[in-house]
Amino acid sequence: MLASLLPPEVAVEEIFGDPEDAVLFPGEEAVVARAVDKRRLEYTTTRHLARTALARLGLPPVAIGTGGNREPLWPAGIVGSMTHCRGYRAVAVARAGAGAAGLGIDAEPHGPLPEGVFDTIARPDEMPALEALAAERPRVRWDRLVFSAKESVYKAWFPVARRWLGFGEASVGFVPVEEMSGTFTARILQSGAPITEMSGRWTIESGLVLTAVMV
């Protein structure tokens, strides 16, 4: 599903569930040593998928550490992103030399956001277009799509900018291409931003909202 949102030079691995043969490498174990089972399974499976995706780019299996902002620490010359939600995990990686400076993916359940969350992530300037889209395509959970798109934008932003980007510092606009898929753009509103605009794609499949951005 996610592969359809990204260029062919991006290696994508996704799975429903957690494979029994997924294991952690030295250096990864310490990150989740005290984690609950749910967190440990998510972490283990995404690392397993990352090594499979990196192998498709010709790289040997390595530990994928975790940075101070919980970002994956990829091998030199690689950009990538991970995501997980209930029952689903995915990873996308690409060579930086292939024109990619940042990569972001996100998966969310296709359902309403918890009460009060939308008001904290949406900007006033986004509301008129979102209200029109909701009237035109009521089957799409646009609140959840806004959340997912901004998550993907942040994941693509961080490797380039190396600093935080708040939900209110990106304004997203969506263009449906089909009933349950399309494109989006994000304007970065942070002062001194090294990137001022990104574009991405979205789809809704198998009960999931999926978004992807490549810088």
N, C-alpha and C. Protein backbone atom coordinates (compact mmCIF):
# COMPACT_ATOMS: atom_id res chain seq x y z
N MET A 1 0.82 -1.21 0.00
CA MET A 1 0.00 0.00 0.00
C MET A 1 0.86 1.26 0.00
N LEU A 2 1.79 1.33 0.93
CA LEU A 2 2.64 2.53 1.01
C LEU A 2 3.53 2.69 -0.21
N ALA A 3 3.95 1.60 -0.82
CA ALA A 3 4.82 1.70 -1.98
C ALA A 3 4.18 2.50 -3.09
N SER A 4 2.86 2.48 -3.18
CA SER A 4 2.16 3.22 -4.23
C SER A 4 2.24 4.73 -4.02
N LEU A 5 2.66 5.16 -2.84
CA LEU A 5 2.74 6.59 -2.53
C LEU A 5 4.14 7.17 -2.72
N LEU A 6 5.11 6.31 -3.03
CA LEU A 6 6.51 6.74 -3.08
C LEU A 6 7.16 6.35 -4.40
N PRO A 7 8.25 7.02 -4.79
CA PRO A 7 8.95 6.68 -6.04
C PRO A 7 9.54 5.28 -5.98
N PRO A 8 9.83 4.70 -7.14
CA PRO A 8 10.33 3.31 -7.17
C PRO A 8 11.69 3.13 -6.52
N GLU A 9 12.47 4.20 -6.38
CA GLU A 9 13.79 4.06 -5.75
C GLU A 9 13.71 3.92 -4.23
N VAL A 10 12.53 4.07 -3.67
CA VAL A 10 12.34 3.90 -2.23
C VAL A 10 11.95 2.45 -1.96
N ALA A 11 12.68 1.80 -1.05
CA ALA A 11 12.36 0.43 -0.64
C ALA A 11 11.37 0.48 0.52
N VAL A 12 10.23 -0.15 0.33
CA VAL A 12 9.16 -0.13 1.34
C VAL A 12 8.88 -1.55 1.80
N GLU A 13 8.76 -1.73 3.11
CA GLU A 13 8.34 -2.99 3.70
C GLU A 13 7.20 -2.70 4.66
N GLU A 14 6.14 -3.50 4.58
CA GLU A 14 5.01 -3.31 5.48
C GLU A 14 4.41 -4.67 5.83
N ILE A 15 3.77 -4.72 6.98
CA ILE A 15 3.24 -6.00 7.44
C ILE A 15 2.10 -5.74 8.42
N PHE A 16 1.11 -6.64 8.41
CA PHE A 16 0.08 -6.66 9.43
C PHE A 16 0.50 -7.71 10.46
N GLY A 17 0.70 -7.27 11.70
CA GLY A 17 1.11 -8.20 12.74
C GLY A 17 2.60 -8.14 13.01
N ASP A 18 3.08 -9.10 13.77
CA ASP A 18 4.48 -9.15 14.18
C ASP A 18 5.06 -10.54 13.90
N PRO A 19 6.04 -10.64 13.00
CA PRO A 19 6.60 -11.96 12.66
C PRO A 19 7.37 -12.57 13.83
N GLU A 20 7.27 -13.88 13.95
CA GLU A 20 7.93 -14.56 15.07
C GLU A 20 9.44 -14.55 14.94
N ASP A 21 9.98 -14.41 13.71
CA ASP A 21 11.42 -14.46 13.53
C ASP A 21 12.08 -13.09 13.67
N ALA A 22 11.32 -12.05 14.01
CA ALA A 22 11.91 -10.73 14.20
C ALA A 22 12.69 -10.69 15.50
N VAL A 23 13.94 -10.22 15.43
CA VAL A 23 14.80 -10.13 16.61
C VAL A 23 15.47 -8.76 16.66
N LEU A 24 15.91 -8.40 17.85
CA LEU A 24 16.64 -7.16 18.04
C LEU A 24 18.14 -7.42 17.94
N PHE A 25 18.87 -6.42 17.47
CA PHE A 25 20.32 -6.47 17.40
C PHE A 25 20.92 -5.79 18.64
N PRO A 26 22.21 -6.10 18.92
CA PRO A 26 22.87 -5.38 20.02
C PRO A 26 22.78 -3.87 19.79
N GLY A 27 22.51 -3.14 20.86
CA GLY A 27 22.33 -1.71 20.75
C GLY A 27 20.87 -1.31 20.63
N GLU A 28 20.03 -2.21 20.15
CA GLU A 28 18.60 -1.94 20.07
C GLU A 28 17.88 -2.42 21.32
N GLU A 29 18.36 -3.52 21.87
CA GLU A 29 17.72 -4.15 23.02
C GLU A 29 17.58 -3.19 24.20
N ALA A 30 18.61 -2.38 24.44
CA ALA A 30 18.59 -1.49 25.60
C ALA A 30 17.49 -0.45 25.51
N VAL A 31 17.10 -0.08 24.31
CA VAL A 31 16.08 0.96 24.13
C VAL A 31 14.73 0.51 24.67
N VAL A 32 14.43 -0.78 24.54
CA VAL A 32 13.11 -1.28 24.96
C VAL A 32 13.22 -2.29 26.10
N ALA A 33 14.33 -2.26 26.81
CA ALA A 33 14.56 -3.24 27.88
C ALA A 33 13.46 -3.17 28.94
N ARG A 34 12.94 -2.00 29.21
CA ARG A 34 11.91 -1.84 30.23
C ARG A 34 10.55 -1.51 29.63
N ALA A 35 10.41 -1.67 28.34
CA ALA A 35 9.16 -1.32 27.67
C ALA A 35 8.10 -2.38 27.87
N VAL A 36 6.84 -1.97 27.76
CA VAL A 36 5.74 -2.93 27.80
C VAL A 36 5.77 -3.76 26.52
N ASP A 37 5.07 -4.88 26.54
CA ASP A 37 5.11 -5.81 25.40
C ASP A 37 4.70 -5.14 24.09
N LYS A 38 3.68 -4.30 24.12
CA LYS A 38 3.21 -3.65 22.90
C LYS A 38 4.32 -2.81 22.26
N ARG A 39 4.98 -1.99 23.06
CA ARG A 39 6.07 -1.15 22.55
C ARG A 39 7.22 -2.01 22.04
N ARG A 40 7.54 -3.07 22.76
CA ARG A 40 8.65 -3.93 22.36
C ARG A 40 8.36 -4.61 21.01
N LEU A 41 7.14 -5.08 20.82
CA LEU A 41 6.78 -5.70 19.55
C LEU A 41 6.86 -4.71 18.40
N GLU A 42 6.35 -3.51 18.60
CA GLU A 42 6.41 -2.48 17.55
C GLU A 42 7.86 -2.18 17.18
N TYR A 43 8.68 -2.00 18.18
CA TYR A 43 10.09 -1.65 17.96
C TYR A 43 10.82 -2.79 17.25
N THR A 44 10.58 -4.02 17.70
CA THR A 44 11.27 -5.17 17.10
C THR A 44 10.86 -5.37 15.65
N THR A 45 9.57 -5.29 15.37
CA THR A 45 9.10 -5.52 14.01
C THR A 45 9.58 -4.43 13.05
N THR A 46 9.55 -3.17 13.47
CA THR A 46 10.00 -2.11 12.56
C THR A 46 11.50 -2.24 12.28
N ARG A 47 12.29 -2.66 13.25
CA ARG A 47 13.72 -2.88 13.00
C ARG A 47 13.93 -4.05 12.04
N HIS A 48 13.14 -5.09 12.20
CA HIS A 48 13.19 -6.24 11.30
C HIS A 48 12.85 -5.81 9.87
N LEU A 49 11.80 -5.02 9.72
CA LEU A 49 11.43 -4.53 8.39
C LEU A 49 12.49 -3.61 7.82
N ALA A 50 13.10 -2.81 8.68
CA ALA A 50 14.15 -1.89 8.21
C ALA A 50 15.32 -2.67 7.62
N ARG A 51 15.73 -3.74 8.26
CA ARG A 51 16.85 -4.53 7.72
C ARG A 51 16.48 -5.19 6.40
N THR A 52 15.22 -5.61 6.28
CA THR A 52 14.77 -6.18 5.01
C THR A 52 14.78 -5.13 3.91
N ALA A 53 14.31 -3.93 4.22
CA ALA A 53 14.29 -2.86 3.24
C ALA A 53 15.71 -2.44 2.85
N LEU A 54 16.60 -2.34 3.82
CA LEU A 54 17.99 -1.97 3.53
C LEU A 54 18.67 -3.02 2.67
N ALA A 55 18.32 -4.29 2.87
CA ALA A 55 18.90 -5.35 2.04
C ALA A 55 18.51 -5.17 0.58
N ARG A 56 17.32 -4.65 0.33
CA ARG A 56 16.90 -4.39 -1.04
C ARG A 56 17.71 -3.28 -1.69
N LEU A 57 18.36 -2.45 -0.87
CA LEU A 57 19.26 -1.41 -1.38
C LEU A 57 20.70 -1.89 -1.42
N GLY A 58 20.92 -3.16 -1.07
CA GLY A 58 22.26 -3.74 -1.11
C GLY A 58 23.08 -3.54 0.14
N LEU A 59 22.45 -3.19 1.26
CA LEU A 59 23.17 -2.97 2.51
C LEU A 59 23.08 -4.19 3.41
N PRO A 60 24.13 -4.45 4.20
CA PRO A 60 24.12 -5.57 5.13
C PRO A 60 23.24 -5.26 6.34
N PRO A 61 22.81 -6.28 7.07
CA PRO A 61 22.00 -6.04 8.27
C PRO A 61 22.80 -5.34 9.36
N VAL A 62 22.23 -4.28 9.90
CA VAL A 62 22.88 -3.50 10.96
C VAL A 62 21.84 -3.13 12.00
N ALA A 63 22.32 -2.74 13.17
CA ALA A 63 21.43 -2.22 14.21
C ALA A 63 20.92 -0.85 13.79
N ILE A 64 19.65 -0.59 14.07
CA ILE A 64 19.05 0.72 13.81
C ILE A 64 18.76 1.34 15.17
N GLY A 65 19.64 2.20 15.61
CA GLY A 65 19.51 2.82 16.91
C GLY A 65 18.42 3.87 16.97
N THR A 66 18.33 4.54 18.12
CA THR A 66 17.31 5.56 18.33
C THR A 66 17.99 6.83 18.83
N GLY A 67 17.68 7.96 18.19
CA GLY A 67 18.27 9.24 18.56
C GLY A 67 17.55 9.90 19.72
N GLY A 68 18.02 11.08 20.08
CA GLY A 68 17.47 11.80 21.21
C GLY A 68 16.05 12.26 21.04
N ASN A 69 15.59 12.35 19.79
CA ASN A 69 14.21 12.72 19.51
C ASN A 69 13.39 11.51 19.05
N ARG A 70 13.85 10.33 19.42
CA ARG A 70 13.21 9.04 19.10
C ARG A 70 13.24 8.73 17.61
N GLU A 71 14.12 9.43 16.87
CA GLU A 71 14.24 9.17 15.44
C GLU A 71 15.13 7.97 15.19
N PRO A 72 14.86 7.17 14.15
CA PRO A 72 15.76 6.06 13.80
C PRO A 72 17.11 6.59 13.33
N LEU A 73 18.17 5.89 13.72
CA LEU A 73 19.52 6.27 13.31
C LEU A 73 19.93 5.36 12.15
N TRP A 74 19.82 5.89 10.94
CA TRP A 74 20.07 5.10 9.74
C TRP A 74 21.55 5.04 9.41
N PRO A 75 21.97 4.03 8.65
CA PRO A 75 23.37 4.00 8.18
C PRO A 75 23.70 5.24 7.36
N ALA A 76 24.97 5.56 7.27
CA ALA A 76 25.40 6.73 6.49
C ALA A 76 24.91 6.61 5.05
N GLY A 77 24.41 7.73 4.53
CA GLY A 77 23.95 7.75 3.15
C GLY A 77 22.54 7.25 2.94
N ILE A 78 21.81 6.98 4.04
CA ILE A 78 20.46 6.47 3.95
C ILE A 78 19.50 7.43 4.65
N VAL A 79 18.35 7.65 4.04
CA VAL A 79 17.25 8.33 4.71
C VAL A 79 16.10 7.34 4.82
N GLY A 80 15.29 7.51 5.84
CA GLY A 80 14.21 6.56 6.00
C GLY A 80 13.20 7.01 7.03
N SER A 81 12.16 6.22 7.19
CA SER A 81 11.09 6.53 8.12
C SER A 81 10.40 5.24 8.53
N MET A 82 9.86 5.24 9.74
CA MET A 82 9.11 4.10 10.27
C MET A 82 7.76 4.57 10.76
N THR A 83 6.80 3.65 10.77
CA THR A 83 5.51 3.95 11.36
C THR A 83 4.87 2.67 11.86
N HIS A 84 3.99 2.80 12.83
CA HIS A 84 3.23 1.65 13.33
C HIS A 84 1.95 2.15 13.97
N CYS A 85 0.93 1.35 13.85
CA CYS A 85 -0.31 1.55 14.59
C CYS A 85 -0.86 0.17 14.89
N ARG A 86 -2.02 0.09 15.46
CA ARG A 86 -2.53 -1.20 15.91
C ARG A 86 -2.57 -2.22 14.76
N GLY A 87 -1.73 -3.26 14.88
CA GLY A 87 -1.74 -4.35 13.91
C GLY A 87 -0.98 -4.11 12.62
N TYR A 88 -0.36 -2.94 12.45
CA TYR A 88 0.30 -2.62 11.18
C TYR A 88 1.63 -1.93 11.47
N ARG A 89 2.67 -2.31 10.69
CA ARG A 89 3.99 -1.68 10.80
C ARG A 89 4.54 -1.49 9.39
N ALA A 90 5.32 -0.43 9.19
CA ALA A 90 5.90 -0.17 7.87
C ALA A 90 7.20 0.62 8.00
N VAL A 91 8.07 0.45 6.99
CA VAL A 91 9.36 1.15 6.92
C VAL A 91 9.59 1.52 5.46
N ALA A 92 10.18 2.70 5.25
CA ALA A 92 10.60 3.12 3.91
C ALA A 92 12.01 3.68 4.00
N VAL A 93 12.89 3.27 3.08
CA VAL A 93 14.27 3.76 3.07
C VAL A 93 14.70 4.06 1.63
N ALA A 94 15.65 4.97 1.51
CA ALA A 94 16.19 5.32 0.20
C ALA A 94 17.62 5.81 0.37
N ARG A 95 18.37 5.75 -0.70
CA ARG A 95 19.73 6.30 -0.68
C ARG A 95 19.65 7.81 -0.80
N ALA A 96 20.39 8.51 0.06
CA ALA A 96 20.39 9.96 0.00
C ALA A 96 20.90 10.46 -1.34
N GLY A 97 21.81 9.73 -1.95
CA GLY A 97 22.34 10.13 -3.24
C GLY A 97 21.36 10.01 -4.38
N ALA A 98 20.21 9.38 -4.13
CA ALA A 98 19.19 9.23 -5.16
C ALA A 98 18.27 10.45 -5.22
N GLY A 99 18.65 11.52 -4.53
CA GLY A 99 17.86 12.73 -4.56
C GLY A 99 16.99 12.93 -3.34
N ALA A 100 17.06 12.05 -2.38
CA ALA A 100 16.24 12.16 -1.18
C ALA A 100 17.03 12.78 -0.04
N ALA A 101 16.51 13.85 0.53
CA ALA A 101 17.12 14.46 1.71
C ALA A 101 16.36 14.11 2.98
N GLY A 102 15.09 13.80 2.83
CA GLY A 102 14.26 13.42 3.96
C GLY A 102 13.09 12.60 3.48
N LEU A 103 12.61 11.72 4.34
CA LEU A 103 11.54 10.80 3.97
C LEU A 103 10.64 10.62 5.18
N GLY A 104 9.34 10.72 4.97
CA GLY A 104 8.40 10.56 6.07
C GLY A 104 7.21 9.73 5.68
N ILE A 105 6.85 8.76 6.52
CA ILE A 105 5.65 7.97 6.31
C ILE A 105 4.87 7.91 7.62
N ASP A 106 3.55 7.72 7.50
CA ASP A 106 2.74 7.59 8.71
C ASP A 106 1.52 6.74 8.40
N ALA A 107 1.10 5.95 9.38
CA ALA A 107 -0.11 5.14 9.29
C ALA A 107 -0.95 5.39 10.53
N GLU A 108 -2.24 5.57 10.33
CA GLU A 108 -3.18 5.81 11.41
C GLU A 108 -4.45 5.00 11.15
N PRO A 109 -5.16 4.60 12.20
CA PRO A 109 -6.46 3.98 11.98
C PRO A 109 -7.43 4.98 11.36
N HIS A 110 -8.23 4.52 10.40
CA HIS A 110 -9.17 5.42 9.73
C HIS A 110 -10.42 5.59 10.59
N GLY A 111 -10.25 6.38 11.62
CA GLY A 111 -11.34 6.69 12.53
C GLY A 111 -11.15 8.07 13.08
N PRO A 112 -12.11 8.59 13.83
CA PRO A 112 -11.99 9.95 14.36
C PRO A 112 -10.86 10.08 15.36
N LEU A 113 -10.26 11.26 15.39
CA LEU A 113 -9.27 11.55 16.42
C LEU A 113 -9.94 11.61 17.80
N PRO A 114 -9.20 11.34 18.84
CA PRO A 114 -9.76 11.52 20.18
C PRO A 114 -10.28 12.96 20.36
N GLU A 115 -11.29 13.10 21.18
CA GLU A 115 -11.92 14.40 21.39
C GLU A 115 -10.89 15.44 21.82
N GLY A 116 -10.93 16.59 21.17
CA GLY A 116 -10.06 17.71 21.52
C GLY A 116 -8.75 17.75 20.78
N VAL A 117 -8.34 16.63 20.16
CA VAL A 117 -7.02 16.60 19.50
C VAL A 117 -7.01 17.46 18.24
N PHE A 118 -8.08 17.40 17.46
CA PHE A 118 -8.09 18.13 16.20
C PHE A 118 -7.87 19.63 16.42
N ASP A 119 -8.45 20.17 17.47
CA ASP A 119 -8.30 21.61 17.74
C ASP A 119 -6.86 21.99 18.05
N THR A 120 -6.05 21.03 18.49
CA THR A 120 -4.66 21.31 18.83
C THR A 120 -3.71 21.15 17.64
N ILE A 121 -4.17 20.50 16.55
CA ILE A 121 -3.26 20.25 15.42
C ILE A 121 -3.63 21.03 14.17
N ALA A 122 -4.88 21.46 14.06
CA ALA A 122 -5.33 22.16 12.85
C ALA A 122 -5.19 23.67 13.01
N ARG A 123 -4.87 24.31 11.91
CA ARG A 123 -4.75 25.77 11.88
C ARG A 123 -6.06 26.38 11.35
N PRO A 124 -6.39 27.60 11.77
CA PRO A 124 -7.61 28.24 11.25
C PRO A 124 -7.64 28.36 9.73
N ASP A 125 -6.47 28.60 9.11
CA ASP A 125 -6.45 28.76 7.66
C ASP A 125 -6.72 27.45 6.92
N GLU A 126 -6.61 26.32 7.60
CA GLU A 126 -6.89 25.03 6.98
C GLU A 126 -8.38 24.68 6.98
N MET A 127 -9.15 25.31 7.86
CA MET A 127 -10.51 24.87 8.11
C MET A 127 -11.47 25.02 6.93
N PRO A 128 -11.49 26.15 6.20
CA PRO A 128 -12.46 26.25 5.11
C PRO A 128 -12.33 25.14 4.08
N ALA A 129 -11.11 24.83 3.65
CA ALA A 129 -10.92 23.77 2.66
C ALA A 129 -11.29 22.41 3.24
N LEU A 130 -10.97 22.17 4.51
CA LEU A 130 -11.30 20.88 5.12
C LEU A 130 -12.81 20.71 5.25
N GLU A 131 -13.51 21.77 5.59
CA GLU A 131 -14.96 21.69 5.69
C GLU A 131 -15.59 21.40 4.33
N ALA A 132 -15.05 22.01 3.28
CA ALA A 132 -15.57 21.75 1.93
C ALA A 132 -15.28 20.31 1.51
N LEU A 133 -14.10 19.81 1.83
CA LEU A 133 -13.76 18.43 1.49
C LEU A 133 -14.64 17.44 2.26
N ALA A 134 -14.90 17.74 3.52
CA ALA A 134 -15.74 16.86 4.33
C ALA A 134 -17.15 16.77 3.77
N ALA A 135 -17.65 17.88 3.23
CA ALA A 135 -18.98 17.87 2.63
C ALA A 135 -18.99 17.10 1.31
N GLU A 136 -17.87 17.21 0.56
CA GLU A 136 -17.78 16.56 -0.75
C GLU A 136 -17.50 15.07 -0.64
N ARG A 137 -16.64 14.70 0.32
CA ARG A 137 -16.25 13.30 0.50
C ARG A 137 -16.37 12.92 1.97
N PRO A 138 -17.59 12.68 2.44
CA PRO A 138 -17.81 12.43 3.87
C PRO A 138 -17.26 11.10 4.36
N ARG A 139 -16.90 10.18 3.47
CA ARG A 139 -16.35 8.90 3.91
C ARG A 139 -14.93 9.04 4.45
N VAL A 140 -14.24 10.10 4.10
CA VAL A 140 -12.85 10.31 4.54
C VAL A 140 -12.84 10.99 5.90
N ARG A 141 -12.05 10.45 6.82
CA ARG A 141 -11.84 11.09 8.12
C ARG A 141 -10.75 12.13 7.96
N TRP A 142 -11.17 13.35 7.60
CA TRP A 142 -10.21 14.40 7.28
C TRP A 142 -9.42 14.83 8.51
N ASP A 143 -10.00 14.74 9.69
CA ASP A 143 -9.24 15.09 10.89
C ASP A 143 -8.06 14.17 11.08
N ARG A 144 -8.30 12.87 10.87
CA ARG A 144 -7.21 11.90 11.01
C ARG A 144 -6.19 12.07 9.90
N LEU A 145 -6.64 12.44 8.71
CA LEU A 145 -5.73 12.64 7.59
C LEU A 145 -4.82 13.84 7.83
N VAL A 146 -5.35 14.90 8.41
CA VAL A 146 -4.52 16.06 8.76
C VAL A 146 -3.43 15.64 9.74
N PHE A 147 -3.81 14.90 10.76
CA PHE A 147 -2.84 14.43 11.74
C PHE A 147 -1.75 13.61 11.07
N SER A 148 -2.13 12.65 10.25
CA SER A 148 -1.16 11.77 9.60
C SER A 148 -0.24 12.54 8.67
N ALA A 149 -0.80 13.44 7.87
CA ALA A 149 0.02 14.22 6.94
C ALA A 149 1.07 15.03 7.68
N LYS A 150 0.68 15.64 8.80
CA LYS A 150 1.64 16.45 9.55
C LYS A 150 2.70 15.58 10.24
N GLU A 151 2.33 14.36 10.62
CA GLU A 151 3.32 13.43 11.15
C GLU A 151 4.35 13.09 10.07
N SER A 152 3.90 12.80 8.86
CA SER A 152 4.83 12.50 7.77
C SER A 152 5.72 13.69 7.44
N VAL A 153 5.13 14.88 7.45
CA VAL A 153 5.90 16.10 7.18
C VAL A 153 7.01 16.26 8.22
N TYR A 154 6.68 16.07 9.50
CA TYR A 154 7.70 16.21 10.53
C TYR A 154 8.83 15.20 10.35
N LYS A 155 8.47 13.95 10.04
CA LYS A 155 9.50 12.92 9.88
C LYS A 155 10.43 13.23 8.71
N ALA A 156 9.89 13.83 7.65
CA ALA A 156 10.73 14.21 6.52
C ALA A 156 11.54 15.47 6.82
N TRP A 157 10.98 16.34 7.63
CA TRP A 157 11.60 17.61 7.99
C TRP A 157 12.82 17.43 8.90
N PHE A 158 12.68 16.57 9.91
CA PHE A 158 13.69 16.53 10.97
C PHE A 158 15.10 16.20 10.48
N PRO A 159 15.30 15.22 9.59
CA PRO A 159 16.67 14.94 9.15
C PRO A 159 17.34 16.11 8.44
N VAL A 160 16.53 16.99 7.86
CA VAL A 160 17.07 18.15 7.14
C VAL A 160 17.29 19.32 8.09
N ALA A 161 16.28 19.62 8.91
CA ALA A 161 16.34 20.80 9.77
C ALA A 161 16.97 20.53 11.13
N ARG A 162 16.88 19.28 11.61
CA ARG A 162 17.42 18.88 12.91
C ARG A 162 16.82 19.70 14.05
N ARG A 163 15.55 20.04 13.91
CA ARG A 163 14.86 20.73 15.00
C ARG A 163 13.37 20.43 14.92
N TRP A 164 12.68 20.72 16.01
CA TRP A 164 11.28 20.41 16.16
C TRP A 164 10.43 21.23 15.18
N LEU A 165 9.32 20.65 14.75
CA LEU A 165 8.32 21.35 13.95
C LEU A 165 6.96 21.04 14.56
N GLY A 166 6.30 22.07 15.08
CA GLY A 166 5.01 21.86 15.72
C GLY A 166 3.89 21.69 14.70
N PHE A 167 2.78 21.11 15.15
CA PHE A 167 1.63 20.93 14.26
C PHE A 167 1.17 22.26 13.67
N GLY A 168 1.24 23.31 14.48
CA GLY A 168 0.78 24.62 14.01
C GLY A 168 1.75 25.32 13.09
N GLU A 169 2.94 24.75 12.90
CA GLU A 169 3.94 25.37 12.03
C GLU A 169 3.93 24.80 10.62
N ALA A 170 2.94 23.98 10.32
CA ALA A 170 2.76 23.46 8.96
C ALA A 170 1.29 23.59 8.60
N SER A 171 1.03 24.13 7.41
CA SER A 171 -0.34 24.26 6.92
C SER A 171 -0.51 23.33 5.73
N VAL A 172 -1.43 22.39 5.83
CA VAL A 172 -1.58 21.38 4.78
C VAL A 172 -2.86 21.60 3.98
N GLY A 173 -2.76 21.27 2.70
CA GLY A 173 -3.92 21.33 1.81
C GLY A 173 -3.99 20.06 1.00
N PHE A 174 -5.19 19.54 0.82
CA PHE A 174 -5.38 18.23 0.18
C PHE A 174 -6.09 18.36 -1.16
N VAL A 175 -5.67 17.51 -2.09
CA VAL A 175 -6.33 17.41 -3.40
C VAL A 175 -6.71 15.95 -3.61
N PRO A 176 -7.99 15.60 -3.53
CA PRO A 176 -8.39 14.23 -3.83
C PRO A 176 -8.18 13.93 -5.32
N VAL A 177 -7.64 12.77 -5.61
CA VAL A 177 -7.48 12.31 -6.99
C VAL A 177 -8.53 11.26 -7.29
N GLU A 178 -8.74 10.35 -6.34
CA GLU A 178 -9.82 9.39 -6.40
C GLU A 178 -10.63 9.53 -5.11
N GLU A 179 -11.63 8.68 -4.96
CA GLU A 179 -12.52 8.81 -3.80
C GLU A 179 -11.78 8.75 -2.48
N MET A 180 -10.78 7.86 -2.38
CA MET A 180 -10.10 7.65 -1.11
C MET A 180 -8.58 7.79 -1.24
N SER A 181 -8.12 8.62 -2.12
CA SER A 181 -6.67 8.85 -2.26
C SER A 181 -6.44 10.18 -2.95
N GLY A 182 -5.20 10.67 -2.85
CA GLY A 182 -4.89 11.94 -3.47
C GLY A 182 -3.52 12.44 -3.09
N THR A 183 -3.33 13.75 -3.20
CA THR A 183 -2.05 14.39 -2.90
C THR A 183 -2.28 15.47 -1.84
N PHE A 184 -1.18 15.96 -1.30
CA PHE A 184 -1.27 17.10 -0.38
C PHE A 184 0.00 17.92 -0.45
N THR A 185 -0.10 19.17 -0.07
CA THR A 185 1.05 20.04 0.05
C THR A 185 1.09 20.59 1.48
N ALA A 186 2.29 20.90 1.93
CA ALA A 186 2.46 21.46 3.26
C ALA A 186 3.35 22.70 3.16
N ARG A 187 2.86 23.82 3.66
CA ARG A 187 3.67 25.03 3.78
C ARG A 187 4.27 25.07 5.18
N ILE A 188 5.58 25.22 5.23
CA ILE A 188 6.28 25.29 6.52
C ILE A 188 6.35 26.75 6.94
N LEU A 189 5.85 27.04 8.12
CA LEU A 189 5.68 28.42 8.56
C LEU A 189 6.67 28.82 9.64
N GLN A 190 7.59 27.94 9.98
CA GLN A 190 8.59 28.24 11.01
C GLN A 190 9.60 29.27 10.50
N SER A 191 9.96 30.21 11.32
CA SER A 191 10.93 31.23 10.94
C SER A 191 12.29 30.59 10.65
N GLY A 192 12.92 30.98 9.54
CA GLY A 192 14.22 30.45 9.18
C GLY A 192 14.21 29.02 8.72
N ALA A 193 13.07 28.51 8.29
CA ALA A 193 12.96 27.11 7.88
C ALA A 193 13.82 26.82 6.66
N PRO A 194 14.63 25.74 6.68
CA PRO A 194 15.43 25.38 5.51
C PRO A 194 14.59 24.82 4.37
N ILE A 195 13.36 24.40 4.67
CA ILE A 195 12.40 23.93 3.68
C ILE A 195 11.13 24.72 3.90
N THR A 196 10.55 25.24 2.85
CA THR A 196 9.33 26.02 3.01
C THR A 196 8.09 25.33 2.44
N GLU A 197 8.28 24.28 1.66
CA GLU A 197 7.14 23.56 1.12
C GLU A 197 7.50 22.11 0.87
N MET A 198 6.56 21.23 1.13
CA MET A 198 6.70 19.81 0.83
C MET A 198 5.44 19.33 0.12
N SER A 199 5.57 18.24 -0.58
CA SER A 199 4.41 17.62 -1.19
C SER A 199 4.39 16.15 -0.86
N GLY A 200 3.22 15.57 -0.79
CA GLY A 200 3.09 14.17 -0.43
C GLY A 200 1.85 13.56 -1.05
N ARG A 201 1.62 12.31 -0.72
CA ARG A 201 0.47 11.57 -1.22
C ARG A 201 -0.21 10.84 -0.06
N TRP A 202 -1.48 10.54 -0.24
CA TRP A 202 -2.25 9.86 0.80
C TRP A 202 -3.20 8.85 0.18
N THR A 203 -3.54 7.85 0.97
CA THR A 203 -4.52 6.86 0.57
C THR A 203 -5.19 6.29 1.81
N ILE A 204 -6.36 5.75 1.63
CA ILE A 204 -7.08 5.07 2.70
C ILE A 204 -7.39 3.67 2.22
N GLU A 205 -6.77 2.70 2.87
CA GLU A 205 -6.93 1.30 2.50
C GLU A 205 -6.91 0.42 3.75
N SER A 206 -7.64 -0.66 3.70
CA SER A 206 -7.64 -1.67 4.77
C SER A 206 -7.85 -1.05 6.15
N GLY A 207 -8.69 -0.03 6.22
CA GLY A 207 -8.98 0.60 7.49
C GLY A 207 -7.90 1.52 8.01
N LEU A 208 -6.95 1.90 7.14
CA LEU A 208 -5.83 2.75 7.55
C LEU A 208 -5.77 4.02 6.73
N VAL A 209 -5.33 5.09 7.35
CA VAL A 209 -4.92 6.30 6.67
C VAL A 209 -3.40 6.22 6.50
N LEU A 210 -2.92 6.33 5.27
CA LEU A 210 -1.49 6.25 4.98
C LEU A 210 -1.04 7.51 4.26
N THR A 211 0.04 8.11 4.74
CA THR A 211 0.60 9.29 4.09
C THR A 211 2.09 9.13 3.92
N ALA A 212 2.64 9.82 2.91
CA ALA A 212 4.08 9.73 2.64
C ALA A 212 4.56 11.04 2.04
N VAL A 213 5.76 11.45 2.45
CA VAL A 213 6.41 12.66 1.96
C VAL A 213 7.86 12.34 1.66
N MET A 214 8.36 12.84 0.52
CA MET A 214 9.78 12.71 0.21
C MET A 214 10.33 14.07 -0.14
N VAL A 215 11.38 14.48 0.55
CA VAL A 215 12.02 15.78 0.31
C VAL A 215 13.18 15.55 -0.62
